[in-house]
Amino acid sequence: MARQTIPQPQQRIPEMQGFRPRGHLYRMQLLILLLLLAAGTLGAEQRSRSFTFSSDRSSTVLREGRERTRLEGNARIQTEDIVITANVIEVYGESFRFAEASGNLRVVDESRGIELTARQFFYDRELDVSRAVGAVYMEDTINEVVVRGGFLESLGEEDVILVQVNVRIFREDMTARAEFARFLRVEDILELSGLPVVFMNGDEYRASRIQLDLENDEILLQGSVQGTVSPRQQGGEE
């Protein structure tokens, strides 16, 4: 006679109240872990890429591949060399590589002696490239230069600064204006184009392109050269 198997009653596992197994908790835990890593809990070999942040409030997008954290109200992020403060800062990308800031913006790069204000700011931590847009004001305390313009791009690895749109440059005994400027900070060389004009020690220089050696007070004019040289006073006489 065939042996019959008596089915056992299934035990129902009680549902946890408020639990929704959709991966939200896992993604939140992963995001927190990434933030902690970025905030400085990395090993010594990776600390140069770490950063800290703070704000009055924050929000986070958890959609896979589009993770983004928005800091609002007294927002601040700080890397090894750079401090960015603004009304709003957003960080995104792999390991929060990118940062965008706006509103009461101020950037301080102590290692390069640079302070900057603008309406908007973008920073790529991995490439050390930054861009500032709108009423840009930059003070270079090492080279003793003040720069104004509509757009500025800083190539940190090469230590070159590009400025465009209504460029104004100020230094002791020198002012200049142009539509485009390229500043090689290591060489202390300033290149101007786009109707450049330089006023230096009472003299005025105009050309298609102007190059200034700020360290040696030398000027090179190229194309459509014009100038006005004021007489020098020697021994109290002109």
C-alpha atoms as a PDB file:
ATOM      1  CA  MET A   1       0.000   0.000   0.000  1.00  0.00           C
ATOM      2  CA  ALA A   2       1.423   3.308  -1.077  1.00  0.00           C
ATOM      3  CA  ARG A   3       2.507   5.596   1.736  1.00  0.00           C
ATOM      4  CA  GLN A   4       0.769   8.929   1.690  1.00  0.00           C
ATOM      5  CA  THR A   5       2.674  12.103   2.523  1.00  0.00           C
ATOM      6  CA  ILE A   6       0.662  14.381   4.707  1.00  0.00           C
ATOM      7  CA  PRO A   7       1.307  18.003   3.727  1.00  0.00           C
ATOM      8  CA  GLN A   8       2.493  20.184   6.593  1.00  0.00           C
ATOM      9  CA  PRO A   9       0.689  23.439   7.181  1.00  0.00           C
ATOM     10  CA  GLN A  10       2.676  26.421   5.927  1.00  0.00           C
ATOM     11  CA  GLN A  11       3.824  28.838   8.555  1.00  0.00           C
ATOM     12  CA  ARG A  12       3.185  32.436   7.690  1.00  0.00           C
ATOM     13  CA  ILE A  13       6.005  34.794   8.437  1.00  0.00           C
ATOM     14  CA  PRO A  14       4.605  37.976   9.929  1.00  0.00           C
ATOM     15  CA  GLU A  15       5.350  41.098   7.921  1.00  0.00           C
ATOM     16  CA  MET A  16       7.422  43.758   9.515  1.00  0.00           C
ATOM     17  CA  GLN A  17       5.350  46.858   9.898  1.00  0.00           C
ATOM     18  CA  GLY A  18       6.528  49.646   7.637  1.00  0.00           C
ATOM     19  CA  PHE A  19       9.142  47.467   5.896  1.00  0.00           C
ATOM     20  CA  ARG A  20       9.395  47.788   2.108  1.00  0.00           C
ATOM     21  CA  PRO A  21      12.120  45.551   0.632  1.00  0.00           C
ATOM     22  CA  ARG A  22      12.891  47.750  -2.390  1.00  0.00           C
ATOM     23  CA  GLY A  23      16.566  48.370  -1.835  1.00  0.00           C
ATOM     24  CA  HIS A  24      16.063  51.898  -0.466  1.00  0.00           C
ATOM     25  CA  LEU A  25      17.673  51.045   2.839  1.00  0.00           C
ATOM     26  CA  TYR A  26      20.645  49.447   1.118  1.00  0.00           C
ATOM     27  CA  ARG A  27      21.162  52.433  -1.155  1.00  0.00           C
ATOM     28  CA  MET A  28      20.900  54.813   1.783  1.00  0.00           C
ATOM     29  CA  GLN A  29      23.483  52.806   3.714  1.00  0.00           C
ATOM     30  CA  LEU A  30      25.744  52.768   0.659  1.00  0.00           C
ATOM     31  CA  LEU A  31      25.393  56.529   0.232  1.00  0.00           C
ATOM     32  CA  ILE A  32      26.237  57.132   3.891  1.00  0.00           C
ATOM     33  CA  LEU A  33      29.275  54.913   3.504  1.00  0.00           C
ATOM     34  CA  LEU A  34      30.421  56.894   0.466  1.00  0.00           C
ATOM     35  CA  LEU A  35      29.958  60.168   2.318  1.00  0.00           C
ATOM     36  CA  LEU A  36      31.975  58.873   5.238  1.00  0.00           C
ATOM     37  CA  LEU A  37      34.721  57.763   2.901  1.00  0.00           C
ATOM     38  CA  ALA A  38      34.726  61.127   1.192  1.00  0.00           C
ATOM     39  CA  ALA A  39      34.766  62.889   4.554  1.00  0.00           C
ATOM     40  CA  GLY A  40      38.162  61.593   5.413  1.00  0.00           C
ATOM     41  CA  THR A  41      37.964  57.971   6.567  1.00  0.00           C
ATOM     42  CA  LEU A  42      39.982  56.800   3.570  1.00  0.00           C
ATOM     43  CA  GLY A  43      43.440  55.390   3.929  1.00  0.00           C
ATOM     44  CA  ALA A  44      46.472  57.646   3.928  1.00  0.00           C
ATOM     45  CA  GLU A  45      47.163  56.912   0.259  1.00  0.00           C
ATOM     46  CA  GLN A  46      43.768  58.412  -0.728  1.00  0.00           C
ATOM     47  CA  ARG A  47      43.474  61.327   1.673  1.00  0.00           C
ATOM     48  CA  SER A  48      44.486  63.862  -0.981  1.00  0.00           C
ATOM     49  CA  ARG A  49      41.121  63.209  -2.687  1.00  0.00           C
ATOM     50  CA  SER A  50      38.975  63.334   0.456  1.00  0.00           C
ATOM     51  CA  PHE A  51      36.758  66.265   1.473  1.00  0.00           C
ATOM     52  CA  THR A  52      34.465  67.372   4.263  1.00  0.00           C
ATOM     53  CA  PHE A  53      31.155  69.208   3.994  1.00  0.00           C
ATOM     54  CA  SER A  54      28.513  70.956   6.082  1.00  0.00           C
ATOM     55  CA  SER A  55      25.269  72.919   5.607  1.00  0.00           C
ATOM     56  CA  ASP A  56      22.012  73.873   7.325  1.00  0.00           C
ATOM     57  CA  ARG A  57      20.079  71.270   5.361  1.00  0.00           C
ATOM     58  CA  SER A  58      20.642  68.767   2.582  1.00  0.00           C
ATOM     59  CA  SER A  59      18.781  66.499   0.159  1.00  0.00           C
ATOM     60  CA  THR A  60      19.935  63.480  -1.789  1.00  0.00           C
ATOM     61  CA  VAL A  61      18.896  61.822  -5.051  1.00  0.00           C
ATOM     62  CA  LEU A  62      19.378  58.057  -4.776  1.00  0.00           C
ATOM     63  CA  ARG A  63      18.528  56.992  -8.316  1.00  0.00           C
ATOM     64  CA  GLU A  64      21.248  54.640  -9.514  1.00  0.00           C
ATOM     65  CA  GLY A  65      23.742  56.396 -11.755  1.00  0.00           C
ATOM     66  CA  ARG A  66      22.358  59.823 -10.858  1.00  0.00           C
ATOM     67  CA  GLU A  67      23.334  60.108  -7.211  1.00  0.00           C
ATOM     68  CA  ARG A  68      23.600  63.734  -6.150  1.00  0.00           C
ATOM     69  CA  THR A  69      23.717  65.561  -2.827  1.00  0.00           C
ATOM     70  CA  ARG A  70      22.487  69.150  -2.498  1.00  0.00           C
ATOM     71  CA  LEU A  71      23.678  71.298   0.404  1.00  0.00           C
ATOM     72  CA  GLU A  72      21.676  74.440   1.212  1.00  0.00           C
ATOM     73  CA  GLY A  73      22.196  77.259   3.686  1.00  0.00           C
ATOM     74  CA  ASN A  74      25.742  78.098   4.806  1.00  0.00           C
ATOM     75  CA  ALA A  75      26.973  75.311   2.547  1.00  0.00           C
ATOM     76  CA  ARG A  76      30.650  74.492   2.750  1.00  0.00           C
ATOM     77  CA  ILE A  77      32.978  71.877   1.307  1.00  0.00           C
ATOM     78  CA  GLN A  78      36.671  71.607   2.006  1.00  0.00           C
ATOM     79  CA  THR A  79      39.340  69.575   0.254  1.00  0.00           C
ATOM     80  CA  GLU A  80      42.974  69.339   1.225  1.00  0.00           C
ATOM     81  CA  ASP A  81      43.699  72.789  -0.277  1.00  0.00           C
ATOM     82  CA  ILE A  82      40.397  74.431  -1.273  1.00  0.00           C
ATOM     83  CA  VAL A  83      37.466  75.775   0.749  1.00  0.00           C
ATOM     84  CA  ILE A  84      34.190  76.578  -1.060  1.00  0.00           C
ATOM     85  CA  THR A  85      31.337  78.377   0.685  1.00  0.00           C
ATOM     86  CA  ALA A  86      28.013  79.347  -0.909  1.00  0.00           C
ATOM     87  CA  ASN A  87      24.257  79.394  -0.419  1.00  0.00           C
ATOM     88  CA  VAL A  88      23.937  76.192  -2.441  1.00  0.00           C
ATOM     89  CA  ILE A  89      26.492  73.511  -3.273  1.00  0.00           C
ATOM     90  CA  GLU A  90      25.804  70.291  -5.165  1.00  0.00           C
ATOM     91  CA  VAL A  91      28.252  67.377  -5.245  1.00  0.00           C
ATOM     92  CA  TYR A  92      27.887  64.496  -7.677  1.00  0.00           C
ATOM     93  CA  GLY A  93      29.724  61.971  -9.815  1.00  0.00           C
ATOM     94  CA  GLU A  94      31.882  59.025  -8.831  1.00  0.00           C
ATOM     95  CA  SER A  95      33.278  59.585  -5.315  1.00  0.00           C
ATOM     96  CA  PHE A  96      31.603  63.008  -5.508  1.00  0.00           C
ATOM     97  CA  ARG A  97      34.198  64.172  -7.978  1.00  0.00           C
ATOM     98  CA  PHE A  98      32.281  67.269  -9.131  1.00  0.00           C
ATOM     99  CA  ALA A  99      30.992  70.275  -7.200  1.00  0.00           C
ATOM    100  CA  GLU A 100      28.799  73.188  -8.310  1.00  0.00           C
ATOM    101  CA  ALA A 101      28.174  76.233  -6.142  1.00  0.00           C
ATOM    102  CA  SER A 102      26.176  79.467  -6.377  1.00  0.00           C
ATOM    103  CA  GLY A 103      24.934  82.328  -4.225  1.00  0.00           C
ATOM    104  CA  ASN A 104      27.301  84.349  -2.004  1.00  0.00           C
ATOM    105  CA  LEU A 105      30.091  82.264  -3.442  1.00  0.00           C
ATOM    106  CA  ARG A 106      33.631  82.403  -2.082  1.00  0.00           C
ATOM    107  CA  VAL A 107      36.538  80.139  -2.938  1.00  0.00           C
ATOM    108  CA  VAL A 108      39.855  80.090  -1.093  1.00  0.00           C
ATOM    109  CA  ASP A 109      42.839  78.100  -2.366  1.00  0.00           C
ATOM    110  CA  GLU A 110      45.474  78.570   0.321  1.00  0.00           C
ATOM    111  CA  SER A 111      48.129  76.471  -1.418  1.00  0.00           C
ATOM    112  CA  ARG A 112      48.048  78.752  -4.483  1.00  0.00           C
ATOM    113  CA  GLY A 113      47.332  82.009  -2.678  1.00  0.00           C
ATOM    114  CA  ILE A 114      44.056  82.585  -4.548  1.00  0.00           C
ATOM    115  CA  GLU A 115      40.713  83.984  -3.374  1.00  0.00           C
ATOM    116  CA  LEU A 116      37.768  84.132  -5.757  1.00  0.00           C
ATOM    117  CA  THR A 117      34.158  85.275  -5.866  1.00  0.00           C
ATOM    118  CA  ALA A 118      31.625  84.815  -8.693  1.00  0.00           C
ATOM    119  CA  ARG A 119      27.980  84.023  -9.335  1.00  0.00           C
ATOM    120  CA  GLN A 120      28.560  80.356 -10.192  1.00  0.00           C
ATOM    121  CA  PHE A 121      31.430  77.942  -9.706  1.00  0.00           C
ATOM    122  CA  PHE A 122      32.288  74.445 -10.970  1.00  0.00           C
ATOM    123  CA  TYR A 123      35.099  72.261  -9.652  1.00  0.00           C
ATOM    124  CA  ASP A 124      36.492  68.915 -10.808  1.00  0.00           C
ATOM    125  CA  ARG A 125      38.470  67.494  -7.878  1.00  0.00           C
ATOM    126  CA  GLU A 126      40.109  64.752  -9.919  1.00  0.00           C
ATOM    127  CA  LEU A 127      41.493  66.974 -12.706  1.00  0.00           C
ATOM    128  CA  ASP A 128      41.898  70.030 -10.440  1.00  0.00           C
ATOM    129  CA  VAL A 129      40.049  72.188 -12.968  1.00  0.00           C
ATOM    130  CA  SER A 130      37.636  74.935 -11.946  1.00  0.00           C
ATOM    131  CA  ARG A 131      35.401  77.422 -13.775  1.00  0.00           C
ATOM    132  CA  ALA A 132      33.774  80.585 -12.483  1.00  0.00           C
ATOM    133  CA  VAL A 133      31.006  82.492 -14.272  1.00  0.00           C
ATOM    134  CA  GLY A 134      29.496  85.926 -13.702  1.00  0.00           C
ATOM    135  CA  ALA A 135      31.140  88.958 -12.082  1.00  0.00           C
ATOM    136  CA  VAL A 136      34.339  87.032 -11.442  1.00  0.00           C
ATOM    137  CA  TYR A 137      36.807  88.585  -9.003  1.00  0.00           C
ATOM    138  CA  MET A 138      40.104  86.833  -8.278  1.00  0.00           C
ATOM    139  CA  GLU A 139      42.932  87.969  -6.041  1.00  0.00           C
ATOM    140  CA  ASP A 140      46.331  86.317  -6.432  1.00  0.00           C
ATOM    141  CA  THR A 141      48.262  87.163  -3.279  1.00  0.00           C
ATOM    142  CA  ILE A 142      51.437  85.379  -4.415  1.00  0.00           C
ATOM    143  CA  ASN A 143      51.781  87.288  -7.707  1.00  0.00           C
ATOM    144  CA  GLU A 144      50.050  90.396  -6.313  1.00  0.00           C
ATOM    145  CA  VAL A 145      47.496  90.545  -9.116  1.00  0.00           C
ATOM    146  CA  VAL A 146      43.754  91.241  -9.078  1.00  0.00           C
ATOM    147  CA  VAL A 147      41.677  89.939 -12.004  1.00  0.00           C
ATOM    148  CA  ARG A 148      38.075  90.715 -13.008  1.00  0.00           C
ATOM    149  CA  GLY A 149      36.071  89.197 -15.855  1.00  0.00           C
ATOM    150  CA  GLY A 150      32.925  87.429 -16.959  1.00  0.00           C
ATOM    151  CA  PHE A 151      34.412  83.925 -17.136  1.00  0.00           C
ATOM    152  CA  LEU A 152      37.456  82.321 -15.552  1.00  0.00           C
ATOM    153  CA  GLU A 153      38.963  78.855 -15.936  1.00  0.00           C
ATOM    154  CA  SER A 154      41.767  77.606 -13.722  1.00  0.00           C
ATOM    155  CA  LEU A 155      43.941  74.675 -14.788  1.00  0.00           C
ATOM    156  CA  GLY A 156      45.422  73.699 -11.456  1.00  0.00           C
ATOM    157  CA  GLU A 157      47.913  71.106 -12.653  1.00  0.00           C
ATOM    158  CA  GLU A 158      49.441  73.534 -15.184  1.00  0.00           C
ATOM    159  CA  ASP A 159      48.837  76.560 -12.908  1.00  0.00           C
ATOM    160  CA  VAL A 160      47.374  78.532 -15.812  1.00  0.00           C
ATOM    161  CA  ILE A 161      44.374  80.863 -15.550  1.00  0.00           C
ATOM    162  CA  LEU A 162      42.212  81.849 -18.525  1.00  0.00           C
ATOM    163  CA  VAL A 163      39.895  84.872 -18.291  1.00  0.00           C
ATOM    164  CA  GLN A 164      37.340  86.108 -20.817  1.00  0.00           C
ATOM    165  CA  VAL A 165      34.777  88.911 -21.310  1.00  0.00           C
ATOM    166  CA  ASN A 166      35.558  92.452 -20.134  1.00  0.00           C
ATOM    167  CA  VAL A 167      38.828  91.424 -18.549  1.00  0.00           C
ATOM    168  CA  ARG A 168      40.414  93.870 -16.113  1.00  0.00           C
ATOM    169  CA  ILE A 169      43.762  93.264 -14.431  1.00  0.00           C
ATOM    170  CA  PHE A 170      45.279  95.360 -11.671  1.00  0.00           C
ATOM    171  CA  ARG A 171      48.763  95.383 -10.197  1.00  0.00           C
ATOM    172  CA  GLU A 172      50.914  98.002  -8.543  1.00  0.00           C
ATOM    173  CA  ASP A 173      51.733 100.653 -11.202  1.00  0.00           C
ATOM    174  CA  MET A 174      49.896  98.601 -13.874  1.00  0.00           C
ATOM    175  CA  THR A 175      46.328  98.214 -15.108  1.00  0.00           C
ATOM    176  CA  ALA A 176      45.179  96.367 -18.218  1.00  0.00           C
ATOM    177  CA  ARG A 177      42.012  95.539 -20.089  1.00  0.00           C
ATOM    178  CA  ALA A 178      41.223  93.052 -22.861  1.00  0.00           C
ATOM    179  CA  GLU A 179      38.649  90.507 -23.954  1.00  0.00           C
ATOM    180  CA  PHE A 180      40.902  87.530 -23.289  1.00  0.00           C
ATOM    181  CA  ALA A 181      43.772  86.953 -20.870  1.00  0.00           C
ATOM    182  CA  ARG A 182      46.060  83.990 -20.233  1.00  0.00           C
ATOM    183  CA  PHE A 183      48.021  84.083 -17.007  1.00  0.00           C
ATOM    184  CA  LEU A 184      50.949  81.701 -16.543  1.00  0.00           C
ATOM    185  CA  ARG A 185      51.386  81.961 -12.789  1.00  0.00           C
ATOM    186  CA  VAL A 186      54.655  80.024 -12.475  1.00  0.00           C
ATOM    187  CA  GLU A 187      56.386  82.131 -15.148  1.00  0.00           C
ATOM    188  CA  ASP A 188      54.540  85.304 -14.011  1.00  0.00           C
ATOM    189  CA  ILE A 189      53.633  85.942 -17.664  1.00  0.00           C
ATOM    190  CA  LEU A 190      50.392  87.668 -18.714  1.00  0.00           C
ATOM    191  CA  GLU A 191      49.146  87.389 -22.318  1.00  0.00           C
ATOM    192  CA  LEU A 192      46.387  89.715 -23.541  1.00  0.00           C
ATOM    193  CA  SER A 193      44.328  89.760 -26.751  1.00  0.00           C
ATOM    194  CA  GLY A 194      41.068  91.239 -27.967  1.00  0.00           C
ATOM    195  CA  LEU A 195      41.728  95.007 -28.110  1.00  0.00           C
ATOM    196  CA  PRO A 196      44.200  94.926 -25.229  1.00  0.00           C
ATOM    197  CA  VAL A 197      45.358  98.116 -23.530  1.00  0.00           C
ATOM    198  CA  VAL A 198      48.014  98.385 -20.826  1.00  0.00           C
ATOM    199  CA  PHE A 199      48.724 101.372 -18.594  1.00  0.00           C
ATOM    200  CA  MET A 200      52.086 101.006 -16.875  1.00  0.00           C
ATOM    201  CA  ASN A 201      54.146 103.590 -14.998  1.00  0.00           C
ATOM    202  CA  GLY A 202      52.262 106.416 -16.668  1.00  0.00           C
ATOM    203  CA  ASP A 203      52.652 104.964 -20.194  1.00  0.00           C
ATOM    204  CA  GLU A 204      49.923 103.562 -22.451  1.00  0.00           C
ATOM    205  CA  TYR A 205      50.357 100.599 -24.822  1.00  0.00           C
ATOM    206  CA  ARG A 206      47.972  99.197 -27.456  1.00  0.00           C
ATOM    207  CA  ALA A 207      48.436  96.295 -29.901  1.00  0.00           C
ATOM    208  CA  SER A 208      46.729  93.227 -31.317  1.00  0.00           C
ATOM    209  CA  ARG A 209      48.520  91.094 -28.726  1.00  0.00           C
ATOM    210  CA  ILE A 210      50.399  92.134 -25.613  1.00  0.00           C
ATOM    211  CA  GLN A 211      52.625  89.994 -23.423  1.00  0.00           C
ATOM    212  CA  LEU A 212      53.746  91.184 -20.000  1.00  0.00           C
ATOM    213  CA  ASP A 213      56.601  89.747 -17.980  1.00  0.00           C
ATOM    214  CA  LEU A 214      55.389  90.892 -14.574  1.00  0.00           C
ATOM    215  CA  GLU A 215      58.495  89.796 -12.714  1.00  0.00           C
ATOM    216  CA  ASN A 216      60.894  91.796 -14.904  1.00  0.00           C
ATOM    217  CA  ASP A 217      58.505  94.621 -15.922  1.00  0.00           C
ATOM    218  CA  GLU A 218      58.966  93.828 -19.628  1.00  0.00           C
ATOM    219  CA  ILE A 219      56.304  94.298 -22.296  1.00  0.00           C
ATOM    220  CA  LEU A 220      56.078  92.772 -25.799  1.00  0.00           C
ATOM    221  CA  LEU A 221      53.693  94.290 -28.372  1.00  0.00           C
ATOM    222  CA  GLN A 222      52.602  92.488 -31.560  1.00  0.00           C
ATOM    223  CA  GLY A 223      50.440  93.851 -34.407  1.00  0.00           C
ATOM    224  CA  SER A 224      49.011  97.384 -34.829  1.00  0.00           C
ATOM    225  CA  VAL A 225      51.291  98.748 -32.151  1.00  0.00           C
ATOM    226  CA  GLN A 226      50.470 102.124 -30.602  1.00  0.00           C
ATOM    227  CA  GLY A 227      51.747 103.797 -27.479  1.00  0.00           C
ATOM    228  CA  THR A 228      52.074 106.947 -25.459  1.00  0.00           C
ATOM    229  CA  VAL A 229      55.178 107.364 -23.343  1.00  0.00           C
ATOM    230  CA  SER A 230      55.293 109.996 -20.627  1.00  0.00           C
ATOM    231  CA  PRO A 231      58.564 111.843 -19.933  1.00  0.00           C
ATOM    232  CA  ARG A 232      60.457 110.636 -16.895  1.00  0.00           C
ATOM    233  CA  GLN A 233      61.615 112.977 -14.171  1.00  0.00           C
ATOM    234  CA  GLN A 234      65.269 112.791 -13.213  1.00  0.00           C
ATOM    235  CA  GLY A 235      66.819 114.934 -10.505  1.00  0.00           C
ATOM    236  CA  GLY A 236      63.622 116.976 -10.206  1.00  0.00           C
ATOM    237  CA  GLU A 237      63.635 117.960 -13.917  1.00  0.00           C
ATOM    238  CA  GLU A 238      61.601 116.511 -16.795  1.00  0.00           C
END
